[in-house]
């Protein structure tokens, strides 16, 4: 336990000092920080109890003010059902079962995949190569700097990207460090991790 706190203190100090390769602006690649987190409290009082998330995520030291509440991504809310999504986005190009989790059904749109678990949205994935995403009605360029400006500093820095959390809602920006680009943006609930 003492080693974990020591690693967090050292990692936090490096972030505060502005170590190179950090998450400031569009700097790539991300610095590999020690991972001392086993739980982190969400702002609505829930906890991150998922071993995968706890093992893969390091909290950032600084947090900026939030412009959005992450209630919707590209007009889709996590509380939407299939009929609501089709009313908002139209008929999907394709409907497919998730190959790894057959209970999940994916509605494929041109630049967006909406996955359902039962009647409700499980997650939303914004495709690679799009130039902008709409967060709570605000259009934001798909760049690390623009997302940071709209959302503030990430709440977590994971090995494969940046995580913004608002209560039980999460927006994860997956980064391809070798190509210096954003691979995918995934919007999901803490209960779906």
Protein backbone atom coordinates (compact mmCIF):
# COMPACT_ATOMS: atom_id res chain seq x y z
CA UNK A 1 0.00 0.00 0.00
CA UNK A 2 2.82 2.41 0.90
CA UNK A 3 4.46 1.75 -2.50
CA UNK A 4 1.21 2.55 -4.29
CA UNK A 5 0.86 5.92 -2.56
CA UNK A 6 4.54 6.66 -3.17
CA UNK A 7 4.05 5.90 -6.89
CA UNK A 8 1.00 8.16 -7.00
CA UNK A 9 2.93 10.98 -5.29
CA UNK A 10 5.87 10.66 -7.70
CA UNK A 11 3.59 10.43 -10.76
CA UNK A 12 1.54 13.40 -9.59
CA UNK A 13 4.68 15.44 -8.98
CA UNK A 14 5.90 14.73 -12.50
CA UNK A 15 2.56 15.83 -13.96
CA UNK A 16 2.55 19.01 -11.89
CA UNK A 17 6.10 19.82 -12.98
CA UNK A 18 5.07 19.44 -16.62
CA UNK A 19 7.14 16.41 -17.51
CA UNK A 20 7.66 15.94 -21.24
CA UNK A 21 5.36 13.53 -22.98
CA UNK A 22 2.52 14.44 -20.64
CA UNK A 23 -1.01 15.18 -21.64
CA UNK A 24 -0.62 18.95 -22.06
CA UNK A 25 -2.00 20.21 -25.35
CA UNK A 26 -1.47 17.68 -28.10
CA UNK A 27 1.77 16.18 -26.82
CA UNK A 28 2.25 12.58 -27.90
CA UNK A 29 3.15 10.01 -26.83
CA UNK A 30 1.64 9.95 -23.37
CA UNK A 31 4.01 9.39 -20.48
CA UNK A 32 3.71 5.97 -18.94
CA UNK A 33 2.84 6.64 -15.32
CA UNK A 34 2.78 4.10 -12.49
CA UNK A 35 -0.69 2.70 -11.85
CA UNK A 36 -1.45 2.86 -8.13
CA UNK A 37 -5.22 3.21 -8.38
CA UNK A 38 -7.52 0.54 -7.02
CA UNK A 39 -10.56 2.77 -6.54
CA UNK A 40 -11.52 6.32 -7.37
CA UNK A 41 -14.65 8.12 -6.23
CA UNK A 42 -16.89 9.53 -8.93
CA UNK A 43 -18.40 12.92 -8.47
CA UNK A 44 -21.87 11.47 -7.80
CA UNK A 45 -20.64 9.28 -4.93
CA UNK A 46 -20.29 6.04 -6.90
CA UNK A 47 -17.00 4.17 -6.94
CA UNK A 48 -14.95 2.61 -9.68
CA UNK A 49 -14.88 -1.00 -8.53
CA UNK A 50 -14.05 -2.60 -11.86
CA UNK A 51 -10.68 -4.36 -11.63
CA UNK A 52 -10.06 -3.65 -15.33
CA UNK A 53 -10.63 0.05 -14.91
CA UNK A 54 -8.69 0.22 -11.66
CA UNK A 55 -5.73 -1.55 -13.22
CA UNK A 56 -5.79 0.47 -16.44
CA UNK A 57 -6.41 3.99 -15.24
CA UNK A 58 -4.34 6.59 -13.41
CA UNK A 59 -6.11 9.70 -12.13
CA UNK A 60 -4.84 13.00 -13.41
CA UNK A 61 -3.67 15.51 -10.84
CA UNK A 62 -5.24 18.61 -12.38
CA UNK A 63 -8.87 19.06 -13.35
CA UNK A 64 -10.17 21.92 -15.41
CA UNK A 65 -13.65 23.34 -15.50
CA UNK A 66 -16.17 21.37 -17.51
CA UNK A 67 -18.13 22.88 -20.38
CA UNK A 68 -20.35 19.82 -20.90
CA UNK A 69 -22.13 17.34 -18.67
CA UNK A 70 -21.77 14.45 -21.15
CA UNK A 71 -25.54 14.04 -21.39
CA UNK A 72 -25.37 13.35 -25.14
CA UNK A 73 -22.81 12.54 -27.78
CA UNK A 74 -23.85 13.30 -31.36
CA UNK A 75 -27.41 13.66 -30.08
CA UNK A 76 -27.52 10.20 -28.45
CA UNK A 77 -28.04 9.79 -24.71
CA UNK A 78 -27.26 6.66 -22.70
CA UNK A 79 -30.92 6.60 -21.63
CA UNK A 80 -32.21 6.50 -25.23
CA UNK A 81 -34.00 3.40 -26.47
CA UNK A 82 -33.88 2.00 -30.02
CA UNK A 83 -36.93 3.95 -31.23
CA UNK A 84 -35.50 7.23 -29.92
CA UNK A 85 -32.13 6.64 -31.59
CA UNK A 86 -33.76 5.81 -34.92
CA UNK A 87 -35.96 8.92 -34.60
CA UNK A 88 -32.84 11.04 -33.96
CA UNK A 89 -30.38 9.46 -36.43
CA UNK A 90 -32.57 7.65 -38.94
CA UNK A 91 -32.42 4.03 -40.02
CA UNK A 92 -28.94 2.55 -39.49
CA UNK A 93 -26.83 1.43 -42.44
CA UNK A 94 -26.50 -1.99 -40.79
CA UNK A 95 -27.60 -3.77 -37.61
CA UNK A 96 -25.25 -6.46 -36.31
CA UNK A 97 -24.65 -8.56 -33.21
CA UNK A 98 -21.45 -7.87 -31.31
CA UNK A 99 -19.09 -10.75 -32.21
CA UNK A 100 -17.72 -11.00 -28.65
CA UNK A 101 -20.89 -10.28 -26.65
CA UNK A 102 -23.90 -11.59 -28.63
CA UNK A 103 -26.39 -9.92 -26.24
CA UNK A 104 -25.24 -6.57 -27.61
CA UNK A 105 -26.65 -5.27 -30.88
CA UNK A 106 -24.83 -2.57 -32.86
CA UNK A 107 -26.57 -0.01 -35.04
CA UNK A 108 -23.96 1.13 -37.58
CA UNK A 109 -24.29 4.66 -38.96
CA UNK A 110 -21.89 6.45 -41.33
CA UNK A 111 -19.59 7.85 -38.62
CA UNK A 112 -21.14 6.43 -35.47
CA UNK A 113 -21.91 3.06 -33.89
CA UNK A 114 -24.63 2.84 -31.27
CA UNK A 115 -24.60 -0.37 -29.22
CA UNK A 116 -27.70 -1.55 -27.37
CA UNK A 117 -28.03 -3.85 -24.39
CA UNK A 118 -31.67 -4.81 -24.23
CA UNK A 119 -33.78 -1.82 -25.24
CA UNK A 120 -31.33 0.92 -24.16
CA UNK A 121 -28.06 2.41 -25.40
CA UNK A 122 -25.03 0.60 -23.98
CA UNK A 123 -22.40 2.81 -25.61
CA UNK A 124 -21.71 5.13 -28.52
CA UNK A 125 -18.53 4.99 -30.60
CA UNK A 126 -17.51 7.87 -32.85
CA UNK A 127 -15.53 6.57 -35.82
CA UNK A 128 -11.92 7.42 -36.57
CA UNK A 129 -11.40 10.21 -39.09
CA UNK A 130 -14.40 12.38 -38.23
CA UNK A 131 -13.53 16.04 -37.91
CA UNK A 132 -15.95 16.93 -35.10
CA UNK A 133 -18.20 15.49 -32.43
CA UNK A 134 -21.22 17.09 -30.77
CA UNK A 135 -21.12 17.02 -26.96
CA UNK A 136 -24.33 18.23 -25.29
CA UNK A 137 -25.15 20.27 -28.38
CA UNK A 138 -21.69 21.84 -28.66
CA UNK A 139 -19.70 20.94 -31.77
CA UNK A 140 -16.08 20.14 -30.86
CA UNK A 141 -13.18 19.38 -33.22
CA UNK A 142 -11.79 15.89 -32.77
CA UNK A 143 -8.34 16.87 -31.53
CA UNK A 144 -6.87 16.42 -28.05
CA UNK A 145 -6.56 20.22 -27.65
CA UNK A 146 -10.17 20.96 -28.67
CA UNK A 147 -11.54 18.18 -26.46
CA UNK A 148 -9.47 19.50 -23.56
CA UNK A 149 -10.80 23.01 -24.15
CA UNK A 150 -14.41 21.72 -24.14
CA UNK A 151 -14.09 19.22 -21.29
CA UNK A 152 -11.18 20.44 -19.19
CA UNK A 153 -8.31 18.19 -18.16
CA UNK A 154 -9.00 14.46 -18.40
CA UNK A 155 -10.11 12.81 -15.17
CA UNK A 156 -7.93 9.77 -15.92
CA UNK A 157 -4.99 8.97 -18.15
CA UNK A 158 -5.09 5.36 -19.30
CA UNK A 159 -2.44 3.46 -21.24
CA UNK A 160 -4.52 3.77 -24.40
CA UNK A 161 -6.16 7.15 -23.98
CA UNK A 162 -7.82 9.88 -21.95
CA UNK A 163 -10.98 9.47 -19.86
CA UNK A 164 -13.42 12.25 -19.01
CA UNK A 165 -15.97 11.42 -16.33
CA UNK A 166 -19.17 13.23 -15.37
CA UNK A 167 -20.96 11.27 -12.65
CA UNK A 168 -21.57 7.79 -14.04
CA UNK A 169 -21.02 8.89 -17.68
CA UNK A 170 -17.63 8.49 -19.31
CA UNK A 171 -16.07 9.66 -22.55
CA UNK A 172 -12.90 7.81 -23.48
CA UNK A 173 -10.64 9.16 -26.20
CA UNK A 174 -8.52 6.29 -27.52
CA UNK A 175 -5.17 7.51 -28.82
CA UNK A 176 -2.90 5.91 -31.40
CA UNK A 177 0.48 7.08 -30.12
CA UNK A 178 2.40 5.82 -33.16
CA UNK A 179 0.17 7.65 -35.66
CA UNK A 180 -0.36 10.68 -33.36
CA UNK A 181 -4.13 10.60 -33.84
CA UNK A 182 -7.38 9.79 -32.12
CA UNK A 183 -8.56 6.28 -32.98
CA UNK A 184 -12.07 6.33 -31.56
CA UNK A 185 -14.16 8.21 -29.02
CA UNK A 186 -16.36 5.99 -26.86
CA UNK A 187 -19.23 7.25 -24.67
CA UNK A 188 -20.53 4.84 -22.04
CA UNK A 189 -21.78 4.41 -18.51
CA UNK A 190 -19.68 3.46 -15.53
CA UNK A 191 -22.01 0.50 -15.06
CA UNK A 192 -20.93 -0.82 -18.49
CA UNK A 193 -17.22 -1.08 -17.72
